[in-house]
Amino acid sequence: MLTQYLTLLETEHGREVFAKFYQTHRNEIYHKAYMILHNTQDAEDMVQETFLSLARNADRMPNSEPGKVWFYMDTVVKNKSRNLLKQREMQSILSMEES
């Protein structure tokens, strides 16, 4: 999966920074998603979406400090995970109303 993200980045420096961040923080991102979703597949999906978001927005933070990037990633994974829960809750409510 890392290779797919790296193809989205334009510079070698960007790829190196992204790869290091991915390898260092992937498990932490997964853990945060899992603590919200309590589902391994959903947590993996959120990890992928979170790192995809970072890859797509990497040009906006070329010289960002690692702490700022981590804060961004932490916020993204939490928001995406919570949004997934809300979406599923709404689907459940709509299904119940249709029944």
PDB file of N, CA and C in Angstrom:
ATOM      1  N   MET A   1       0.821  -1.198   0.000  1.00  0.00           N
ATOM      2  CA  MET A   1       0.000   0.000   0.000  1.00  0.00           C
ATOM      3  C   MET A   1       0.862   1.257   0.000  1.00  0.00           C
ATOM      4  N   LEU A   2       1.968   1.204   0.682  1.00  0.00           N
ATOM      5  CA  LEU A   2       2.851   2.363   0.752  1.00  0.00           C
ATOM      6  C   LEU A   2       3.259   2.819  -0.642  1.00  0.00           C
ATOM      7  N   THR A   3       3.535   1.888  -1.519  1.00  0.00           N
ATOM      8  CA  THR A   3       3.966   2.218  -2.877  1.00  0.00           C
ATOM      9  C   THR A   3       2.916   3.047  -3.600  1.00  0.00           C
ATOM     10  N   GLN A   4       1.653   2.730  -3.405  1.00  0.00           N
ATOM     11  CA  GLN A   4       0.578   3.482  -4.065  1.00  0.00           C
ATOM     12  C   GLN A   4       0.532   4.927  -3.576  1.00  0.00           C
ATOM     13  N   TYR A   5       0.759   5.127  -2.297  1.00  0.00           N
ATOM     14  CA  TYR A   5       0.773   6.493  -1.774  1.00  0.00           C
ATOM     15  C   TYR A   5       1.944   7.267  -2.358  1.00  0.00           C
ATOM     16  N   LEU A   6       3.094   6.612  -2.442  1.00  0.00           N
ATOM     17  CA  LEU A   6       4.304   7.288  -2.899  1.00  0.00           C
ATOM     18  C   LEU A   6       4.177   7.773  -4.339  1.00  0.00           C
ATOM     19  N   THR A   7       3.375   7.095  -5.147  1.00  0.00           N
ATOM     20  CA  THR A   7       3.201   7.536  -6.530  1.00  0.00           C
ATOM     21  C   THR A   7       2.455   8.861  -6.614  1.00  0.00           C
ATOM     22  N   LEU A   8       1.752   9.237  -5.564  1.00  0.00           N
ATOM     23  CA  LEU A   8       1.025  10.503  -5.540  1.00  0.00           C
ATOM     24  C   LEU A   8       1.929  11.687  -5.210  1.00  0.00           C
ATOM     25  N   LEU A   9       3.108  11.418  -4.717  1.00  0.00           N
ATOM     26  CA  LEU A   9       4.016  12.477  -4.295  1.00  0.00           C
ATOM     27  C   LEU A   9       4.977  12.832  -5.422  1.00  0.00           C
ATOM     28  N   GLU A  10       5.277  14.123  -5.550  1.00  0.00           N
ATOM     29  CA  GLU A  10       6.059  14.596  -6.679  1.00  0.00           C
ATOM     30  C   GLU A  10       7.568  14.542  -6.475  1.00  0.00           C
ATOM     31  N   THR A  11       8.033  14.757  -5.268  1.00  0.00           N
ATOM     32  CA  THR A  11       9.479  14.846  -5.055  1.00  0.00           C
ATOM     33  C   THR A  11      10.010  13.640  -4.283  1.00  0.00           C
ATOM     34  N   GLU A  12      11.281  13.369  -4.492  1.00  0.00           N
ATOM     35  CA  GLU A  12      11.928  12.274  -3.763  1.00  0.00           C
ATOM     36  C   GLU A  12      11.952  12.572  -2.264  1.00  0.00           C
ATOM     37  N   HIS A  13      12.204  13.823  -1.924  1.00  0.00           N
ATOM     38  CA  HIS A  13      12.210  14.208  -0.505  1.00  0.00           C
ATOM     39  C   HIS A  13      10.828  13.954   0.105  1.00  0.00           C
ATOM     40  N   GLY A  14       9.784  14.323  -0.616  1.00  0.00           N
ATOM     41  CA  GLY A  14       8.425  14.092  -0.125  1.00  0.00           C
ATOM     42  C   GLY A  14       8.146  12.615   0.078  1.00  0.00           C
ATOM     43  N   ARG A  15       8.619  11.793  -0.840  1.00  0.00           N
ATOM     44  CA  ARG A  15       8.429  10.349  -0.713  1.00  0.00           C
ATOM     45  C   ARG A  15       9.159   9.798   0.507  1.00  0.00           C
ATOM     46  N   GLU A  16      10.380  10.277   0.736  1.00  0.00           N
ATOM     47  CA  GLU A  16      11.165   9.804   1.880  1.00  0.00           C
ATOM     48  C   GLU A  16      10.496  10.179   3.193  1.00  0.00           C
ATOM     49  N   VAL A  17      10.061  11.428   3.292  1.00  0.00           N
ATOM     50  CA  VAL A  17       9.403  11.900   4.519  1.00  0.00           C
ATOM     51  C   VAL A  17       8.110  11.122   4.751  1.00  0.00           C
ATOM     52  N   PHE A  18       7.321  10.946   3.689  1.00  0.00           N
ATOM     53  CA  PHE A  18       6.060  10.221   3.807  1.00  0.00           C
ATOM     54  C   PHE A  18       6.306   8.785   4.233  1.00  0.00           C
ATOM     55  N   ALA A  19       7.265   8.116   3.595  1.00  0.00           N
ATOM     56  CA  ALA A  19       7.552   6.711   3.912  1.00  0.00           C
ATOM     57  C   ALA A  19       7.976   6.553   5.363  1.00  0.00           C
ATOM     58  N   LYS A  20       8.803   7.461   5.832  1.00  0.00           N
ATOM     59  CA  LYS A  20       9.251   7.391   7.227  1.00  0.00           C
ATOM     60  C   LYS A  20       8.065   7.604   8.174  1.00  0.00           C
ATOM     61  N   PHE A  21       7.233   8.589   7.855  1.00  0.00           N
ATOM     62  CA  PHE A  21       6.070   8.864   8.694  1.00  0.00           C
ATOM     63  C   PHE A  21       5.116   7.661   8.687  1.00  0.00           C
ATOM     64  N   TYR A  22       4.907   7.073   7.530  1.00  0.00           N
ATOM     65  CA  TYR A  22       4.032   5.909   7.408  1.00  0.00           C
ATOM     66  C   TYR A  22       4.547   4.761   8.262  1.00  0.00           C
ATOM     67  N   GLN A  23       5.824   4.466   8.131  1.00  0.00           N
ATOM     68  CA  GLN A  23       6.403   3.350   8.869  1.00  0.00           C
ATOM     69  C   GLN A  23       6.403   3.602  10.377  1.00  0.00           C
ATOM     70  N   THR A  24       6.587   4.836  10.761  1.00  0.00           N
ATOM     71  CA  THR A  24       6.651   5.180  12.179  1.00  0.00           C
ATOM     72  C   THR A  24       5.266   5.219  12.829  1.00  0.00           C
ATOM     73  N   HIS A  25       4.271   5.713  12.112  1.00  0.00           N
ATOM     74  CA  HIS A  25       2.982   6.022  12.748  1.00  0.00           C
ATOM     75  C   HIS A  25       1.798   5.188  12.279  1.00  0.00           C
ATOM     76  N   ARG A  26       2.000   4.277  11.342  1.00  0.00           N
ATOM     77  CA  ARG A  26       0.882   3.500  10.825  1.00  0.00           C
ATOM     78  C   ARG A  26       0.136   2.756  11.932  1.00  0.00           C
ATOM     79  N   ASN A  27       0.861   2.114  12.816  1.00  0.00           N
ATOM     80  CA  ASN A  27       0.221   1.351  13.893  1.00  0.00           C
ATOM     81  C   ASN A  27      -0.543   2.253  14.857  1.00  0.00           C
ATOM     82  N   GLU A  28      -0.007   3.443  15.112  1.00  0.00           N
ATOM     83  CA  GLU A  28      -0.703   4.382  16.000  1.00  0.00           C
ATOM     84  C   GLU A  28      -2.015   4.854  15.369  1.00  0.00           C
ATOM     85  N   ILE A  29      -1.974   5.123  14.073  1.00  0.00           N
ATOM     86  CA  ILE A  29      -3.180   5.549  13.363  1.00  0.00           C
ATOM     87  C   ILE A  29      -4.221   4.427  13.399  1.00  0.00           C
ATOM     88  N   TYR A  30      -3.763   3.206  13.152  1.00  0.00           N
ATOM     89  CA  TYR A  30      -4.669   2.054  13.205  1.00  0.00           C
ATOM     90  C   TYR A  30      -5.305   1.939  14.600  1.00  0.00           C
ATOM     91  N   HIS A  31      -4.491   2.051  15.635  1.00  0.00           N
ATOM     92  CA  HIS A  31      -4.991   1.925  17.005  1.00  0.00           C
ATOM     93  C   HIS A  31      -6.059   2.979  17.300  1.00  0.00           C
ATOM     94  N   LYS A  32      -5.824   4.216  16.868  1.00  0.00           N
ATOM     95  CA  LYS A  32      -6.805   5.274  17.116  1.00  0.00           C
ATOM     96  C   LYS A  32      -8.123   4.957  16.406  1.00  0.00           C
ATOM     97  N   ALA A  33      -8.022   4.504  15.162  1.00  0.00           N
ATOM     98  CA  ALA A  33      -9.233   4.164  14.412  1.00  0.00           C
ATOM     99  C   ALA A  33      -9.958   2.989  15.068  1.00  0.00           C
ATOM    100  N   TYR A  34      -9.199   1.982  15.471  1.00  0.00           N
ATOM    101  CA  TYR A  34      -9.813   0.804  16.078  1.00  0.00           C
ATOM    102  C   TYR A  34     -10.505   1.152  17.402  1.00  0.00           C
ATOM    103  N   MET A  35      -9.927   2.038  18.180  1.00  0.00           N
ATOM    104  CA  MET A  35     -10.522   2.422  19.461  1.00  0.00           C
ATOM    105  C   MET A  35     -11.875   3.115  19.261  1.00  0.00           C
ATOM    106  N   ILE A  36     -12.063   3.739  18.124  1.00  0.00           N
ATOM    107  CA  ILE A  36     -13.336   4.397  17.828  1.00  0.00           C
ATOM    108  C   ILE A  36     -14.316   3.413  17.185  1.00  0.00           C
ATOM    109  N   LEU A  37     -13.825   2.604  16.241  1.00  0.00           N
ATOM    110  CA  LEU A  37     -14.700   1.767  15.418  1.00  0.00           C
ATOM    111  C   LEU A  37     -14.919   0.351  15.951  1.00  0.00           C
ATOM    112  N   HIS A  38     -13.956  -0.166  16.707  1.00  0.00           N
ATOM    113  CA  HIS A  38     -14.026  -1.528  17.253  1.00  0.00           C
ATOM    114  C   HIS A  38     -14.252  -2.578  16.156  1.00  0.00           C
ATOM    115  N   ASN A  39     -13.612  -2.354  15.014  1.00  0.00           N
ATOM    116  CA  ASN A  39     -13.729  -3.271  13.888  1.00  0.00           C
ATOM    117  C   ASN A  39     -12.428  -3.202  13.097  1.00  0.00           C
ATOM    118  N   THR A  40     -11.777  -4.353  12.910  1.00  0.00           N
ATOM    119  CA  THR A  40     -10.456  -4.346  12.273  1.00  0.00           C
ATOM    120  C   THR A  40     -10.514  -3.881  10.816  1.00  0.00           C
ATOM    121  N   GLN A  41     -11.501  -4.335  10.065  1.00  0.00           N
ATOM    122  CA  GLN A  41     -11.582  -3.949   8.654  1.00  0.00           C
ATOM    123  C   GLN A  41     -11.854  -2.453   8.506  1.00  0.00           C
ATOM    124  N   ASP A  42     -12.764  -1.935   9.303  1.00  0.00           N
ATOM    125  CA  ASP A  42     -13.064  -0.510   9.253  1.00  0.00           C
ATOM    126  C   ASP A  42     -11.839   0.319   9.670  1.00  0.00           C
ATOM    127  N   ALA A  43     -11.124  -0.151  10.673  1.00  0.00           N
ATOM    128  CA  ALA A  43      -9.923   0.561  11.119  1.00  0.00           C
ATOM    129  C   ALA A  43      -8.877   0.582  10.010  1.00  0.00           C
ATOM    130  N   GLU A  44      -8.705  -0.536   9.317  1.00  0.00           N
ATOM    131  CA  GLU A  44      -7.760  -0.576   8.183  1.00  0.00           C
ATOM    132  C   GLU A  44      -8.184   0.400   7.093  1.00  0.00           C
ATOM    133  N   ASP A  45      -9.473   0.455   6.823  1.00  0.00           N
ATOM    134  CA  ASP A  45      -9.975   1.393   5.821  1.00  0.00           C
ATOM    135  C   ASP A  45      -9.678   2.839   6.219  1.00  0.00           C
ATOM    136  N   MET A  46      -9.838   3.143   7.491  1.00  0.00           N
ATOM    137  CA  MET A  46      -9.572   4.503   7.954  1.00  0.00           C
ATOM    138  C   MET A  46      -8.078   4.833   7.877  1.00  0.00           C
ATOM    139  N   VAL A  47      -7.229   3.851   8.134  1.00  0.00           N
ATOM    140  CA  VAL A  47      -5.778   4.057   7.984  1.00  0.00           C
ATOM    141  C   VAL A  47      -5.478   4.428   6.538  1.00  0.00           C
ATOM    142  N   GLN A  48      -6.048   3.671   5.615  1.00  0.00           N
ATOM    143  CA  GLN A  48      -5.803   3.944   4.205  1.00  0.00           C
ATOM    144  C   GLN A  48      -6.316   5.321   3.809  1.00  0.00           C
ATOM    145  N   GLU A  49      -7.508   5.664   4.232  1.00  0.00           N
ATOM    146  CA  GLU A  49      -8.064   6.969   3.889  1.00  0.00           C
ATOM    147  C   GLU A  49      -7.258   8.109   4.516  1.00  0.00           C
ATOM    148  N   THR A  50      -6.778   7.897   5.722  1.00  0.00           N
ATOM    149  CA  THR A  50      -6.004   8.927   6.399  1.00  0.00           C
ATOM    150  C   THR A  50      -4.676   9.179   5.690  1.00  0.00           C
ATOM    151  N   PHE A  51      -3.980   8.108   5.340  1.00  0.00           N
ATOM    152  CA  PHE A  51      -2.706   8.293   4.642  1.00  0.00           C
ATOM    153  C   PHE A  51      -2.917   8.801   3.216  1.00  0.00           C
ATOM    154  N   LEU A  52      -4.016   8.441   2.601  1.00  0.00           N
ATOM    155  CA  LEU A  52      -4.329   8.980   1.283  1.00  0.00           C
ATOM    156  C   LEU A  52      -4.555  10.487   1.386  1.00  0.00           C
ATOM    157  N   SER A  53      -5.225  10.913   2.431  1.00  0.00           N
ATOM    158  CA  SER A  53      -5.434  12.341   2.664  1.00  0.00           C
ATOM    159  C   SER A  53      -4.104  13.069   2.838  1.00  0.00           C
ATOM    160  N   LEU A  54      -3.195  12.467   3.578  1.00  0.00           N
ATOM    161  CA  LEU A  54      -1.879  13.078   3.763  1.00  0.00           C
ATOM    162  C   LEU A  54      -1.138  13.168   2.432  1.00  0.00           C
ATOM    163  N   ALA A  55      -1.177  12.110   1.647  1.00  0.00           N
ATOM    164  CA  ALA A  55      -0.486  12.112   0.358  1.00  0.00           C
ATOM    165  C   ALA A  55      -1.069  13.171  -0.572  1.00  0.00           C
ATOM    166  N   ARG A  56      -2.376  13.309  -0.560  1.00  0.00           N
ATOM    167  CA  ARG A  56      -3.024  14.307  -1.425  1.00  0.00           C
ATOM    168  C   ARG A  56      -2.730  15.739  -0.987  1.00  0.00           C
ATOM    169  N   ASN A  57      -2.487  15.931   0.294  1.00  0.00           N
ATOM    170  CA  ASN A  57      -2.249  17.276   0.817  1.00  0.00           C
ATOM    171  C   ASN A  57      -0.792  17.535   1.174  1.00  0.00           C
ATOM    172  N   ALA A  58       0.079  16.655   0.751  1.00  0.00           N
ATOM    173  CA  ALA A  58       1.493  16.769   1.110  1.00  0.00           C
ATOM    174  C   ALA A  58       2.113  18.067   0.608  1.00  0.00           C
ATOM    175  N   ASP A  59       1.648  18.569  -0.531  1.00  0.00           N
ATOM    176  CA  ASP A  59       2.214  19.804  -1.071  1.00  0.00           C
ATOM    177  C   ASP A  59       1.887  21.011  -0.202  1.00  0.00           C
ATOM    178  N   ARG A  60       0.879  20.902   0.623  1.00  0.00           N
ATOM    179  CA  ARG A  60       0.511  21.998   1.524  1.00  0.00           C
ATOM    180  C   ARG A  60       1.374  22.036   2.780  1.00  0.00           C
ATOM    181  N   MET A  61       2.093  20.957   3.038  1.00  0.00           N
ATOM    182  CA  MET A  61       2.930  20.917   4.234  1.00  0.00           C
ATOM    183  C   MET A  61       4.334  20.406   3.915  1.00  0.00           C
ATOM    184  N   PRO A  62       5.002  21.044   2.955  1.00  0.00           N
ATOM    185  CA  PRO A  62       6.328  20.546   2.560  1.00  0.00           C
ATOM    186  C   PRO A  62       7.386  20.664   3.653  1.00  0.00           C
ATOM    187  N   ASN A  63       7.313  21.675   4.465  1.00  0.00           N
ATOM    188  CA  ASN A  63       8.326  21.874   5.508  1.00  0.00           C
ATOM    189  C   ASN A  63       7.728  21.817   6.902  1.00  0.00           C
ATOM    190  N   SER A  64       6.601  21.168   7.017  1.00  0.00           N
ATOM    191  CA  SER A  64       5.930  21.098   8.317  1.00  0.00           C
ATOM    192  C   SER A  64       6.727  20.267   9.307  1.00  0.00           C
ATOM    193  N   GLU A  65       6.631  20.666  10.527  1.00  0.00           N
ATOM    194  CA  GLU A  65       7.265  19.911  11.600  1.00  0.00           C
ATOM    195  C   GLU A  65       6.522  18.592  11.775  1.00  0.00           C
ATOM    196  N   PRO A  66       7.237  17.540  12.167  1.00  0.00           N
ATOM    197  CA  PRO A  66       6.575  16.239  12.362  1.00  0.00           C
ATOM    198  C   PRO A  66       5.398  16.308  13.339  1.00  0.00           C
ATOM    199  N   GLY A  67       5.507  17.143  14.353  1.00  0.00           N
ATOM    200  CA  GLY A  67       4.416  17.278  15.318  1.00  0.00           C
ATOM    201  C   GLY A  67       3.148  17.825  14.683  1.00  0.00           C
ATOM    202  N   LYS A  68       3.298  18.757  13.753  1.00  0.00           N
ATOM    203  CA  LYS A  68       2.134  19.312  13.065  1.00  0.00           C
ATOM    204  C   LYS A  68       1.517  18.280  12.132  1.00  0.00           C
ATOM    205  N   VAL A  69       2.362  17.511  11.473  1.00  0.00           N
ATOM    206  CA  VAL A  69       1.860  16.460  10.587  1.00  0.00           C
ATOM    207  C   VAL A  69       1.121  15.413  11.414  1.00  0.00           C
ATOM    208  N   TRP A  70       1.706  15.053  12.564  1.00  0.00           N
ATOM    209  CA  TRP A  70       1.042  14.078  13.432  1.00  0.00           C
ATOM    210  C   TRP A  70      -0.307  14.604  13.901  1.00  0.00           C
ATOM    211  N   PHE A  71      -0.383  15.867  14.278  1.00  0.00           N
ATOM    212  CA  PHE A  71      -1.645  16.459  14.719  1.00  0.00           C
ATOM    213  C   PHE A  71      -2.675  16.392  13.584  1.00  0.00           C
ATOM    214  N   TYR A  72      -2.244  16.682  12.364  1.00  0.00           N
ATOM    215  CA  TYR A  72      -3.122  16.593  11.196  1.00  0.00           C
ATOM    216  C   TYR A  72      -3.647  15.167  11.036  1.00  0.00           C
ATOM    217  N   MET A  73      -2.742  14.206  11.083  1.00  0.00           N
ATOM    218  CA  MET A  73      -3.123  12.807  10.903  1.00  0.00           C
ATOM    219  C   MET A  73      -4.063  12.343  12.018  1.00  0.00           C
ATOM    220  N   ASP A  74      -3.759  12.721  13.235  1.00  0.00           N
ATOM    221  CA  ASP A  74      -4.584  12.361  14.381  1.00  0.00           C
ATOM    222  C   ASP A  74      -6.004  12.903  14.207  1.00  0.00           C
ATOM    223  N   THR A  75      -6.095  14.142  13.776  1.00  0.00           N
ATOM    224  CA  THR A  75      -7.397  14.766  13.564  1.00  0.00           C
ATOM    225  C   THR A  75      -8.151  14.085  12.432  1.00  0.00           C
ATOM    226  N   VAL A  76      -7.456  13.804  11.341  1.00  0.00           N
ATOM    227  CA  VAL A  76      -8.102  13.180  10.184  1.00  0.00           C
ATOM    228  C   VAL A  76      -8.646  11.801  10.541  1.00  0.00           C
ATOM    229  N   VAL A  77      -7.835  10.958  11.194  1.00  0.00           N
ATOM    230  CA  VAL A  77      -8.301   9.602  11.495  1.00  0.00           C
ATOM    231  C   VAL A  77      -9.471   9.628  12.470  1.00  0.00           C
ATOM    232  N   LYS A  78      -9.437  10.508  13.439  1.00  0.00           N
ATOM    233  CA  LYS A  78     -10.557  10.593  14.379  1.00  0.00           C
ATOM    234  C   LYS A  78     -11.829  11.059  13.672  1.00  0.00           C
ATOM    235  N   ASN A  79     -11.700  12.104  12.856  1.00  0.00           N
ATOM    236  CA  ASN A  79     -12.882  12.628  12.165  1.00  0.00           C
ATOM    237  C   ASN A  79     -13.455  11.621  11.170  1.00  0.00           C
ATOM    238  N   LYS A  80     -12.600  10.986  10.396  1.00  0.00           N
ATOM    239  CA  LYS A  80     -13.073  10.001   9.425  1.00  0.00           C
ATOM    240  C   LYS A  80     -13.745   8.816  10.131  1.00  0.00           C
ATOM    241  N   SER A  81     -13.173   8.379  11.224  1.00  0.00           N
ATOM    242  CA  SER A  81     -13.751   7.259  11.973  1.00  0.00           C
ATOM    243  C   SER A  81     -15.103   7.639  12.561  1.00  0.00           C
ATOM    244  N   ARG A  82     -15.190   8.796  13.146  1.00  0.00           N
ATOM    245  CA  ARG A  82     -16.470   9.242  13.722  1.00  0.00           C
ATOM    246  C   ARG A  82     -17.516   9.446  12.637  1.00  0.00           C
ATOM    247  N   ASN A  83     -17.095   9.975  11.492  1.00  0.00           N
ATOM    248  CA  ASN A  83     -18.039  10.161  10.388  1.00  0.00           C
ATOM    249  C   ASN A  83     -18.573   8.832   9.883  1.00  0.00           C
ATOM    250  N   LEU A  84     -17.725   7.822   9.840  1.00  0.00           N
ATOM    251  CA  LEU A  84     -18.178   6.495   9.428  1.00  0.00           C
ATOM    252  C   LEU A  84     -19.222   5.959  10.405  1.00  0.00           C
ATOM    253  N   LEU A  85     -18.983   6.130  11.692  1.00  0.00           N
ATOM    254  CA  LEU A  85     -19.975   5.695  12.688  1.00  0.00           C
ATOM    255  C   LEU A  85     -21.305   6.425  12.513  1.00  0.00           C
ATOM    256  N   LYS A  86     -21.240   7.735  12.291  1.00  0.00           N
ATOM    257  CA  LYS A  86     -22.467   8.514  12.098  1.00  0.00           C
ATOM    258  C   LYS A  86     -23.199   8.065  10.845  1.00  0.00           C
ATOM    259  N   GLN A  87     -22.451   7.808   9.788  1.00  0.00           N
ATOM    260  CA  GLN A  87     -23.050   7.357   8.542  1.00  0.00           C
ATOM    261  C   GLN A  87     -23.762   6.020   8.738  1.00  0.00           C
ATOM    262  N   ARG A  88     -23.111   5.120   9.429  1.00  0.00           N
ATOM    263  CA  ARG A  88     -23.732   3.810   9.674  1.00  0.00           C
ATOM    264  C   ARG A  88     -24.950   3.938  10.569  1.00  0.00           C
ATOM    265  N   GLU A  89     -24.888   4.827  11.543  1.00  0.00           N
ATOM    266  CA  GLU A  89     -26.029   5.043  12.430  1.00  0.00           C
ATOM    267  C   GLU A  89     -27.215   5.583  11.637  1.00  0.00           C
ATOM    268  N   MET A  90     -26.944   6.521  10.743  1.00  0.00           N
ATOM    269  CA  MET A  90     -28.019   7.075   9.917  1.00  0.00           C
ATOM    270  C   MET A  90     -28.610   6.000   9.006  1.00  0.00           C
ATOM    271  N   GLN A  91     -27.770   5.163   8.433  1.00  0.00           N
ATOM    272  CA  GLN A  91     -28.255   4.078   7.584  1.00  0.00           C
ATOM    273  C   GLN A  91     -29.130   3.124   8.388  1.00  0.00           C
ATOM    274  N   SER A  92     -28.727   2.856   9.607  1.00  0.00           N
ATOM    275  CA  SER A  92     -29.497   1.971  10.471  1.00  0.00           C
ATOM    276  C   SER A  92     -30.866   2.578  10.794  1.00  0.00           C
ATOM    277  N   ILE A  93     -30.875   3.842  11.091  1.00  0.00           N
ATOM    278  CA  ILE A  93     -32.133   4.530  11.404  1.00  0.00           C
ATOM    279  C   ILE A  93     -33.060   4.520  10.192  1.00  0.00           C
ATOM    280  N   LEU A  94     -32.490   4.809   9.022  1.00  0.00           N
ATOM    281  CA  LEU A  94     -33.304   4.819   7.807  1.00  0.00           C
ATOM    282  C   LEU A  94     -33.849   3.436   7.495  1.00  0.00           C
ATOM    283  N   SER A  95     -33.043   2.415   7.739  1.00  0.00           N
ATOM    284  CA  SER A  95     -33.499   1.038   7.511  1.00  0.00           C
ATOM    285  C   SER A  95     -34.645   0.683   8.435  1.00  0.00           C
ATOM    286  N   MET A  96     -34.538   1.123   9.690  1.00  0.00           N
ATOM    287  CA  MET A  96     -35.601   0.845  10.654  1.00  0.00           C
ATOM    288  C   MET A  96     -36.879   1.568  10.277  1.00  0.00           C
ATOM    289  N   GLU A  97     -36.746   2.791   9.776  1.00  0.00           N
ATOM    290  CA  GLU A  97     -37.941   3.558   9.388  1.00  0.00           C
ATOM    291  C   GLU A  97     -38.623   2.927   8.182  1.00  0.00           C
ATOM    292  N   GLU A  98     -37.845   2.333   7.282  1.00  0.00           N
ATOM    293  CA  GLU A  98     -38.430   1.703   6.106  1.00  0.00           C
ATOM    294  C   GLU A  98     -39.150   0.409   6.451  1.00  0.00           C
ATOM    295  N   SER A  99     -38.743  -0.222   7.538  1.00  0.00           N
ATOM    296  CA  SER A  99     -39.349  -1.516   7.909  1.00  0.00           C
ATOM    297  C   SER A  99     -40.709  -1.381   8.501  1.00  0.00           C
TER     298      SER A  99
END
